């Protein structure tokens, strides 16, 4: 595991300290969880953008849409 040093405004550090105390975790745990959550959201955002680009490059055909609608109608009937 690597150690890093960062600079933060005093008011931000004070907020972090309060949050850590309320959660019962160390600053290291707090920052690790925050960075992991940020990276996870970034990966999800990138995957969503790729998904959208894929549909823009290769939109559904009329036949695919009709098939999906037919399947949905059948599923609705089965309920």
N, C-alpha and C. Protein backbone atom coordinates (compact mmCIF):
# COMPACT_ATOMS: atom_id res chain seq x y z
N UNK A 1 0.86 -1.17 0.00
CA UNK A 1 0.00 0.00 0.00
C UNK A 1 0.90 1.23 0.00
N UNK A 2 0.51 2.24 -0.76
CA UNK A 2 1.31 3.46 -0.87
C UNK A 2 0.72 4.56 0.02
N UNK A 3 1.59 5.42 0.49
CA UNK A 3 1.16 6.59 1.25
C UNK A 3 1.32 7.81 0.36
N UNK A 4 0.37 8.76 0.48
CA UNK A 4 0.45 10.00 -0.27
C UNK A 4 0.19 11.17 0.66
N UNK A 5 0.58 12.35 0.24
CA UNK A 5 0.29 13.57 0.99
C UNK A 5 -0.52 14.48 0.08
N UNK A 6 -1.57 15.09 0.62
CA UNK A 6 -2.37 16.03 -0.16
C UNK A 6 -2.58 17.28 0.67
N UNK A 7 -2.88 18.37 0.00
CA UNK A 7 -3.19 19.64 0.67
C UNK A 7 -4.67 19.91 0.51
N UNK A 8 -5.29 20.31 1.61
CA UNK A 8 -6.73 20.62 1.60
C UNK A 8 -6.96 21.93 2.33
N UNK A 9 -7.97 22.67 1.93
CA UNK A 9 -8.35 23.85 2.72
C UNK A 9 -8.77 23.41 4.12
N UNK A 10 -8.50 24.25 5.10
CA UNK A 10 -8.82 23.90 6.50
C UNK A 10 -10.27 23.49 6.70
N UNK A 11 -11.19 24.22 6.07
CA UNK A 11 -12.61 23.91 6.28
C UNK A 11 -12.99 22.55 5.69
N UNK A 12 -12.34 22.16 4.61
CA UNK A 12 -12.59 20.84 4.03
C UNK A 12 -12.07 19.76 4.97
N UNK A 13 -10.87 19.95 5.49
CA UNK A 13 -10.31 18.98 6.43
C UNK A 13 -11.17 18.86 7.68
N UNK A 14 -11.67 19.98 8.17
CA UNK A 14 -12.54 19.94 9.35
C UNK A 14 -13.81 19.14 9.07
N UNK A 15 -14.38 19.31 7.88
CA UNK A 15 -15.58 18.55 7.50
C UNK A 15 -15.26 17.06 7.42
N UNK A 16 -14.10 16.75 6.87
CA UNK A 16 -13.69 15.35 6.75
C UNK A 16 -13.49 14.75 8.13
N UNK A 17 -12.84 15.48 9.01
CA UNK A 17 -12.62 14.99 10.37
C UNK A 17 -13.94 14.70 11.07
N UNK A 18 -14.92 15.60 10.93
CA UNK A 18 -16.23 15.36 11.54
C UNK A 18 -16.89 14.11 10.96
N UNK A 19 -16.79 13.96 9.65
CA UNK A 19 -17.39 12.79 8.98
C UNK A 19 -16.71 11.50 9.44
N UNK A 20 -15.40 11.52 9.53
CA UNK A 20 -14.66 10.34 9.98
C UNK A 20 -15.07 9.95 11.39
N UNK A 21 -15.17 10.95 12.25
CA UNK A 21 -15.54 10.68 13.64
C UNK A 21 -16.95 10.09 13.71
N UNK A 22 -17.87 10.65 12.92
CA UNK A 22 -19.26 10.16 12.92
C UNK A 22 -19.33 8.73 12.40
N UNK A 23 -18.47 8.39 11.44
CA UNK A 23 -18.48 7.05 10.86
C UNK A 23 -17.60 6.07 11.61
N UNK A 24 -16.75 6.59 12.47
CA UNK A 24 -15.83 5.72 13.20
C UNK A 24 -14.77 5.12 12.30
N UNK A 25 -14.28 5.93 11.36
CA UNK A 25 -13.23 5.43 10.47
C UNK A 25 -12.07 6.41 10.41
N UNK A 26 -10.95 5.92 9.95
CA UNK A 26 -9.76 6.76 9.85
C UNK A 26 -9.85 7.63 8.60
N UNK A 27 -8.98 8.64 8.54
CA UNK A 27 -8.91 9.46 7.34
C UNK A 27 -8.54 8.60 6.13
N UNK A 28 -7.62 7.67 6.35
CA UNK A 28 -7.21 6.79 5.24
C UNK A 28 -8.41 6.01 4.71
N UNK A 29 -9.21 5.45 5.60
CA UNK A 29 -10.40 4.71 5.16
C UNK A 29 -11.36 5.63 4.41
N UNK A 30 -11.55 6.82 4.95
CA UNK A 30 -12.45 7.79 4.33
C UNK A 30 -12.02 8.10 2.90
N UNK A 31 -10.74 8.45 2.73
CA UNK A 31 -10.25 8.80 1.40
C UNK A 31 -10.23 7.60 0.46
N UNK A 32 -9.87 6.44 0.98
CA UNK A 32 -9.86 5.24 0.14
C UNK A 32 -11.26 4.96 -0.39
N UNK A 33 -12.26 5.01 0.50
CA UNK A 33 -13.64 4.77 0.07
C UNK A 33 -14.12 5.84 -0.92
N UNK A 34 -13.74 7.09 -0.66
CA UNK A 34 -14.15 8.18 -1.55
C UNK A 34 -13.55 8.00 -2.94
N UNK A 35 -12.28 7.67 -2.99
CA UNK A 35 -11.61 7.49 -4.29
C UNK A 35 -12.17 6.27 -5.01
N UNK A 36 -12.40 5.18 -4.29
CA UNK A 36 -12.98 3.98 -4.91
C UNK A 36 -14.35 4.28 -5.49
N UNK A 37 -15.18 5.03 -4.75
CA UNK A 37 -16.51 5.38 -5.23
C UNK A 37 -16.41 6.27 -6.47
N UNK A 38 -15.51 7.22 -6.45
CA UNK A 38 -15.32 8.09 -7.60
C UNK A 38 -14.91 7.28 -8.83
N UNK A 39 -13.93 6.40 -8.67
CA UNK A 39 -13.45 5.60 -9.79
C UNK A 39 -14.54 4.67 -10.31
N UNK A 40 -15.35 4.11 -9.42
CA UNK A 40 -16.45 3.24 -9.83
C UNK A 40 -17.47 4.03 -10.66
N UNK A 41 -17.81 5.26 -10.20
CA UNK A 41 -18.75 6.10 -10.96
C UNK A 41 -18.18 6.47 -12.32
N UNK A 42 -16.89 6.74 -12.39
CA UNK A 42 -16.26 7.07 -13.66
C UNK A 42 -16.33 5.89 -14.63
N UNK A 43 -16.05 4.68 -14.13
CA UNK A 43 -16.15 3.48 -14.99
C UNK A 43 -17.57 3.29 -15.49
N UNK A 44 -18.54 3.49 -14.61
CA UNK A 44 -19.95 3.35 -15.00
C UNK A 44 -20.33 4.40 -16.03
N UNK A 45 -19.86 5.63 -15.85
CA UNK A 45 -20.15 6.71 -16.79
C UNK A 45 -19.54 6.40 -18.16
N UNK A 46 -18.31 5.94 -18.17
CA UNK A 46 -17.64 5.59 -19.42
C UNK A 46 -18.36 4.44 -20.13
N UNK A 47 -18.77 3.44 -19.36
CA UNK A 47 -19.49 2.30 -19.95
C UNK A 47 -20.82 2.77 -20.56
N UNK A 48 -21.50 3.66 -19.87
CA UNK A 48 -22.76 4.19 -20.38
C UNK A 48 -22.53 4.98 -21.67
N UNK A 49 -21.47 5.78 -21.70
CA UNK A 49 -21.16 6.54 -22.91
C UNK A 49 -20.85 5.60 -24.08
N UNK A 50 -20.13 4.52 -23.81
CA UNK A 50 -19.83 3.54 -24.86
C UNK A 50 -21.11 2.88 -25.35
N UNK A 51 -21.99 2.57 -24.44
CA UNK A 51 -23.27 1.95 -24.78
C UNK A 51 -24.07 2.87 -25.70
N UNK A 52 -24.13 4.15 -25.34
CA UNK A 52 -24.87 5.12 -26.14
C UNK A 52 -24.22 5.28 -27.51
N UNK A 53 -22.89 5.39 -27.55
CA UNK A 53 -22.19 5.51 -28.83
C UNK A 53 -22.47 4.29 -29.73
N UNK A 54 -22.52 3.11 -29.10
CA UNK A 54 -22.80 1.91 -29.86
C UNK A 54 -24.17 1.97 -30.52
N UNK A 55 -25.17 2.44 -29.79
CA UNK A 55 -26.50 2.57 -30.37
C UNK A 55 -26.55 3.67 -31.42
N UNK A 56 -25.74 4.72 -31.23
CA UNK A 56 -25.71 5.77 -32.24
C UNK A 56 -25.06 5.27 -33.52
N UNK A 57 -24.02 4.46 -33.38
CA UNK A 57 -23.34 3.92 -34.56
C UNK A 57 -24.16 2.82 -35.23
N UNK A 58 -24.80 1.99 -34.41
CA UNK A 58 -25.56 0.85 -34.91
C UNK A 58 -26.97 0.86 -34.32
N UNK A 59 -27.82 1.77 -34.79
CA UNK A 59 -29.18 1.85 -34.21
C UNK A 59 -29.97 0.58 -34.50
N UNK A 60 -30.98 0.37 -33.68
CA UNK A 60 -31.85 -0.79 -33.88
C UNK A 60 -32.57 -0.68 -35.22
N UNK A 61 -32.73 -1.81 -35.84
CA UNK A 61 -33.47 -1.84 -37.10
C UNK A 61 -34.97 -1.91 -36.80
N UNK A 62 -35.77 -1.63 -37.80
CA UNK A 62 -37.22 -1.71 -37.63
C UNK A 62 -37.63 -3.13 -37.23
N UNK A 63 -36.95 -4.13 -37.79
CA UNK A 63 -37.26 -5.52 -37.47
C UNK A 63 -36.95 -5.83 -36.00
N UNK A 64 -35.83 -5.32 -35.51
CA UNK A 64 -35.47 -5.56 -34.11
C UNK A 64 -36.47 -4.89 -33.17
N UNK A 65 -36.89 -3.70 -33.50
CA UNK A 65 -37.88 -3.00 -32.67
C UNK A 65 -39.20 -3.76 -32.67
N UNK A 66 -39.63 -4.21 -33.83
CA UNK A 66 -40.89 -4.97 -33.93
C UNK A 66 -40.81 -6.26 -33.12
N UNK A 67 -39.67 -6.95 -33.18
CA UNK A 67 -39.50 -8.18 -32.42
C UNK A 67 -39.55 -7.89 -30.92
N UNK A 68 -38.88 -6.85 -30.48
CA UNK A 68 -38.88 -6.50 -29.05
C UNK A 68 -40.29 -6.16 -28.59
N UNK A 69 -41.03 -5.44 -29.40
CA UNK A 69 -42.41 -5.10 -29.05
C UNK A 69 -43.28 -6.34 -28.98
N UNK A 70 -43.09 -7.26 -29.90
CA UNK A 70 -43.87 -8.50 -29.90
C UNK A 70 -43.56 -9.33 -28.66
N UNK A 71 -42.32 -9.41 -28.30
CA UNK A 71 -41.93 -10.16 -27.08
C UNK A 71 -42.53 -9.50 -25.86
N UNK A 72 -42.51 -8.18 -25.80
CA UNK A 72 -43.08 -7.47 -24.66
C UNK A 72 -44.59 -7.73 -24.57
N UNK A 73 -45.27 -7.73 -25.70
CA UNK A 73 -46.72 -8.01 -25.70
C UNK A 73 -46.99 -9.42 -25.18
N UNK A 74 -46.19 -10.39 -25.61
CA UNK A 74 -46.35 -11.76 -25.15
C UNK A 74 -46.11 -11.88 -23.66
N UNK A 75 -45.11 -11.17 -23.17
CA UNK A 75 -44.82 -11.20 -21.74
C UNK A 75 -45.96 -10.58 -20.94
N UNK A 76 -46.53 -9.50 -21.46
CA UNK A 76 -47.66 -8.85 -20.79
C UNK A 76 -48.87 -9.79 -20.72
N UNK A 77 -49.09 -10.57 -21.79
CA UNK A 77 -50.20 -11.51 -21.82
C UNK A 77 -50.00 -12.62 -20.79
N UNK A 78 -48.75 -13.03 -20.59
CA UNK A 78 -48.43 -14.13 -19.69
C UNK A 78 -48.63 -13.73 -18.22
N UNK A 79 -48.68 -12.44 -17.97
CA UNK A 79 -48.84 -11.97 -16.57
C UNK A 79 -50.24 -12.10 -16.18
